Amino acid sequence: MELKVWVEGVVRVVSGLSLNTSCQDVVIALAQAIGQTGRYILILKLRGNERHLVADDCPLQHLAQLGQLATEVQFVLRRTGPSLSEGDTSPSGVLSERRKSLPSQICGVITCV
């Protein structure tokens, strides 16, 4: 399955998704495709409202639950900050345990054009 996501004003198509593909998988694929490191969030926009999706949300499941309204949904990738390699540390200069534990691999085969 495919998902259209607006990235810096351009529509990108992420393919190879299943209903169980997580938001985190989509964000990683998009960030790699545009060649930019950083912290990102995927936003679901519908009729002027925005919902910030969390890492384990599944975007295609959200679309399925919306039924006919799914055609009005727009997904947007927004950069929220620098990556860890760009000097994003806690005030004490130590990386948080939560950030250290983020997986470095994408589950399954996801491509972005």
C-alpha atoms as a PDB file:
ATOM      1  CA  MET A   1       0.000   0.000   0.000  1.00  0.00           C
ATOM      2  CA  GLU A   2       1.040   3.618  -0.408  1.00  0.00           C
ATOM      3  CA  LEU A   3       0.845   6.756   1.685  1.00  0.00           C
ATOM      4  CA  LYS A   4       1.138  10.315   0.376  1.00  0.00           C
ATOM      5  CA  VAL A   5       2.997  12.660   2.717  1.00  0.00           C
ATOM      6  CA  TRP A   6       3.742  16.364   2.281  1.00  0.00           C
ATOM      7  CA  VAL A   7       7.439  17.024   2.940  1.00  0.00           C
ATOM      8  CA  GLU A   8       8.655  20.620   2.714  1.00  0.00           C
ATOM      9  CA  GLY A   9       5.808  21.518   0.343  1.00  0.00           C
ATOM     10  CA  VAL A  10       6.281  18.502  -1.947  1.00  0.00           C
ATOM     11  CA  VAL A  11       4.151  15.355  -1.985  1.00  0.00           C
ATOM     12  CA  ARG A  12       6.198  12.196  -1.390  1.00  0.00           C
ATOM     13  CA  VAL A  13       4.779   8.715  -1.870  1.00  0.00           C
ATOM     14  CA  VAL A  14       5.843   6.051   0.601  1.00  0.00           C
ATOM     15  CA  SER A  15       5.163   2.574  -0.760  1.00  0.00           C
ATOM     16  CA  GLY A  16       5.448  -0.940   0.613  1.00  0.00           C
ATOM     17  CA  LEU A  17       3.316  -0.188   3.657  1.00  0.00           C
ATOM     18  CA  SER A  18       0.932  -2.522   5.449  1.00  0.00           C
ATOM     19  CA  LEU A  19      -1.833  -1.726   7.920  1.00  0.00           C
ATOM     20  CA  ASN A  20       0.688  -2.447  10.676  1.00  0.00           C
ATOM     21  CA  THR A  21       3.444  -0.124   9.421  1.00  0.00           C
ATOM     22  CA  SER A  22       4.210   2.342  12.185  1.00  0.00           C
ATOM     23  CA  CYS A  23       4.508   6.086  12.004  1.00  0.00           C
ATOM     24  CA  GLN A  24       8.136   5.685  13.068  1.00  0.00           C
ATOM     25  CA  ASP A  25       8.845   3.470  10.040  1.00  0.00           C
ATOM     26  CA  VAL A  26       7.296   6.066   7.714  1.00  0.00           C
ATOM     27  CA  VAL A  27       9.230   8.946   9.296  1.00  0.00           C
ATOM     28  CA  ILE A  28      12.541   7.078   9.037  1.00  0.00           C
ATOM     29  CA  ALA A  29      11.916   6.214   5.374  1.00  0.00           C
ATOM     30  CA  LEU A  30      11.076   9.833   4.536  1.00  0.00           C
ATOM     31  CA  ALA A  31      14.034  11.284   6.442  1.00  0.00           C
ATOM     32  CA  GLN A  32      16.385   8.904   4.658  1.00  0.00           C
ATOM     33  CA  ALA A  33      14.810   9.710   1.285  1.00  0.00           C
ATOM     34  CA  ILE A  34      15.343  13.451   1.710  1.00  0.00           C
ATOM     35  CA  GLY A  35      18.810  12.901   3.168  1.00  0.00           C
ATOM     36  CA  GLN A  36      18.244  14.978   6.275  1.00  0.00           C
ATOM     37  CA  THR A  37      18.873  13.980   9.848  1.00  0.00           C
ATOM     38  CA  GLY A  38      16.830  15.396  12.672  1.00  0.00           C
ATOM     39  CA  ARG A  39      13.782  14.800  14.782  1.00  0.00           C
ATOM     40  CA  TYR A  40      10.479  14.569  12.937  1.00  0.00           C
ATOM     41  CA  ILE A  41       6.787  14.162  13.605  1.00  0.00           C
ATOM     42  CA  LEU A  42       4.062  12.924  11.272  1.00  0.00           C
ATOM     43  CA  ILE A  43       0.896  15.010  11.388  1.00  0.00           C
ATOM     44  CA  LEU A  44      -2.559  13.935  10.231  1.00  0.00           C
ATOM     45  CA  LYS A  45      -4.570  16.921   8.967  1.00  0.00           C
ATOM     46  CA  LEU A  46      -8.329  16.738   8.477  1.00  0.00           C
ATOM     47  CA  ARG A  47     -10.712  19.652   7.980  1.00  0.00           C
ATOM     48  CA  GLY A  48      -8.474  22.218   9.642  1.00  0.00           C
ATOM     49  CA  ASN A  49      -7.577  19.982  12.581  1.00  0.00           C
ATOM     50  CA  GLU A  50      -4.157  18.489  13.211  1.00  0.00           C
ATOM     51  CA  ARG A  51      -3.284  15.326  15.085  1.00  0.00           C
ATOM     52  CA  HIS A  52       0.339  14.606  15.945  1.00  0.00           C
ATOM     53  CA  LEU A  53       0.892  10.887  15.517  1.00  0.00           C
ATOM     54  CA  VAL A  54       3.108   9.001  17.952  1.00  0.00           C
ATOM     55  CA  ALA A  55       5.823   6.521  16.948  1.00  0.00           C
ATOM     56  CA  ASP A  56       3.678   3.391  17.222  1.00  0.00           C
ATOM     57  CA  ASP A  57       0.575   4.809  15.509  1.00  0.00           C
ATOM     58  CA  CYS A  58      -0.222   3.146  12.182  1.00  0.00           C
ATOM     59  CA  PRO A  59      -1.186   5.765   9.574  1.00  0.00           C
ATOM     60  CA  LEU A  60      -3.040   3.348   7.288  1.00  0.00           C
ATOM     61  CA  GLN A  61      -5.150   2.143  10.216  1.00  0.00           C
ATOM     62  CA  HIS A  62      -6.153   5.749  10.877  1.00  0.00           C
ATOM     63  CA  LEU A  63      -7.229   6.091   7.242  1.00  0.00           C
ATOM     64  CA  ALA A  64      -9.215   2.847   7.410  1.00  0.00           C
ATOM     65  CA  GLN A  65     -11.040   4.039  10.537  1.00  0.00           C
ATOM     66  CA  LEU A  66     -12.002   7.322   8.875  1.00  0.00           C
ATOM     67  CA  GLY A  67     -13.833   5.611   6.012  1.00  0.00           C
ATOM     68  CA  GLN A  68     -14.987   8.116   3.386  1.00  0.00           C
ATOM     69  CA  LEU A  69     -13.297  10.988   5.231  1.00  0.00           C
ATOM     70  CA  ALA A  70      -9.933   9.394   4.413  1.00  0.00           C
ATOM     71  CA  THR A  71      -9.940  11.173   1.047  1.00  0.00           C
ATOM     72  CA  GLU A  72      -9.768  14.512   2.908  1.00  0.00           C
ATOM     73  CA  VAL A  73      -6.771  13.537   5.037  1.00  0.00           C
ATOM     74  CA  GLN A  74      -3.365  15.042   4.453  1.00  0.00           C
ATOM     75  CA  PHE A  75      -0.219  13.705   6.141  1.00  0.00           C
ATOM     76  CA  VAL A  76       2.622  16.161   6.760  1.00  0.00           C
ATOM     77  CA  LEU A  77       6.173  15.463   7.889  1.00  0.00           C
ATOM     78  CA  ARG A  78       7.462  18.248  10.135  1.00  0.00           C
ATOM     79  CA  ARG A  79      11.002  18.577  11.438  1.00  0.00           C
ATOM     80  CA  THR A  80      10.919  19.339  15.158  1.00  0.00           C
ATOM     81  CA  GLY A  81      14.603  19.592  15.952  1.00  0.00           C
ATOM     82  CA  PRO A  82      18.170  18.500  15.326  1.00  0.00           C
ATOM     83  CA  SER A  83      19.367  14.913  15.411  1.00  0.00           C
ATOM     84  CA  LEU A  84      21.517  13.544  18.192  1.00  0.00           C
ATOM     85  CA  SER A  85      24.561  13.898  15.948  1.00  0.00           C
ATOM     86  CA  GLU A  86      23.806  17.598  15.545  1.00  0.00           C
ATOM     87  CA  GLY A  87      24.418  18.148  19.234  1.00  0.00           C
ATOM     88  CA  ASP A  88      20.960  17.440  20.680  1.00  0.00           C
ATOM     89  CA  THR A  89      21.811  16.531  24.277  1.00  0.00           C
ATOM     90  CA  SER A  90      20.123  16.982  27.582  1.00  0.00           C
ATOM     91  CA  PRO A  91      21.088  19.983  29.741  1.00  0.00           C
ATOM     92  CA  SER A  92      23.658  17.853  31.570  1.00  0.00           C
ATOM     93  CA  GLY A  93      25.296  16.896  28.265  1.00  0.00           C
ATOM     94  CA  VAL A  94      24.202  13.264  28.483  1.00  0.00           C
ATOM     95  CA  LEU A  95      21.897  11.658  25.917  1.00  0.00           C
ATOM     96  CA  SER A  96      18.635  10.458  27.389  1.00  0.00           C
ATOM     97  CA  GLU A  97      18.161   6.688  27.730  1.00  0.00           C
ATOM     98  CA  ARG A  98      14.928   6.905  25.740  1.00  0.00           C
ATOM     99  CA  ARG A  99      16.701   8.398  22.729  1.00  0.00           C
ATOM    100  CA  LYS A 100      19.553   5.902  22.930  1.00  0.00           C
ATOM    101  CA  SER A 101      17.092   3.034  22.735  1.00  0.00           C
ATOM    102  CA  LEU A 102      15.390   4.107  19.494  1.00  0.00           C
ATOM    103  CA  PRO A 103      15.716   1.384  16.854  1.00  0.00           C
ATOM    104  CA  SER A 104      18.080   2.064  13.992  1.00  0.00           C
ATOM    105  CA  GLN A 105      16.463  -0.272  11.449  1.00  0.00           C
ATOM    106  CA  ILE A 106      13.289   0.047   9.429  1.00  0.00           C
ATOM    107  CA  CYS A 107      10.943  -2.907   9.733  1.00  0.00           C
ATOM    108  CA  GLY A 108      10.074  -4.433   6.361  1.00  0.00           C
ATOM    109  CA  VAL A 109      10.776  -2.905   2.971  1.00  0.00           C
ATOM    110  CA  ILE A 110       9.559   0.670   2.621  1.00  0.00           C
ATOM    111  CA  THR A 111      10.513   2.910  -0.252  1.00  0.00           C
ATOM    112  CA  CYS A 112       9.926   6.583  -0.803  1.00  0.00           C
ATOM    113  CA  VAL A 113       9.783   8.543  -4.040  1.00  0.00           C
END
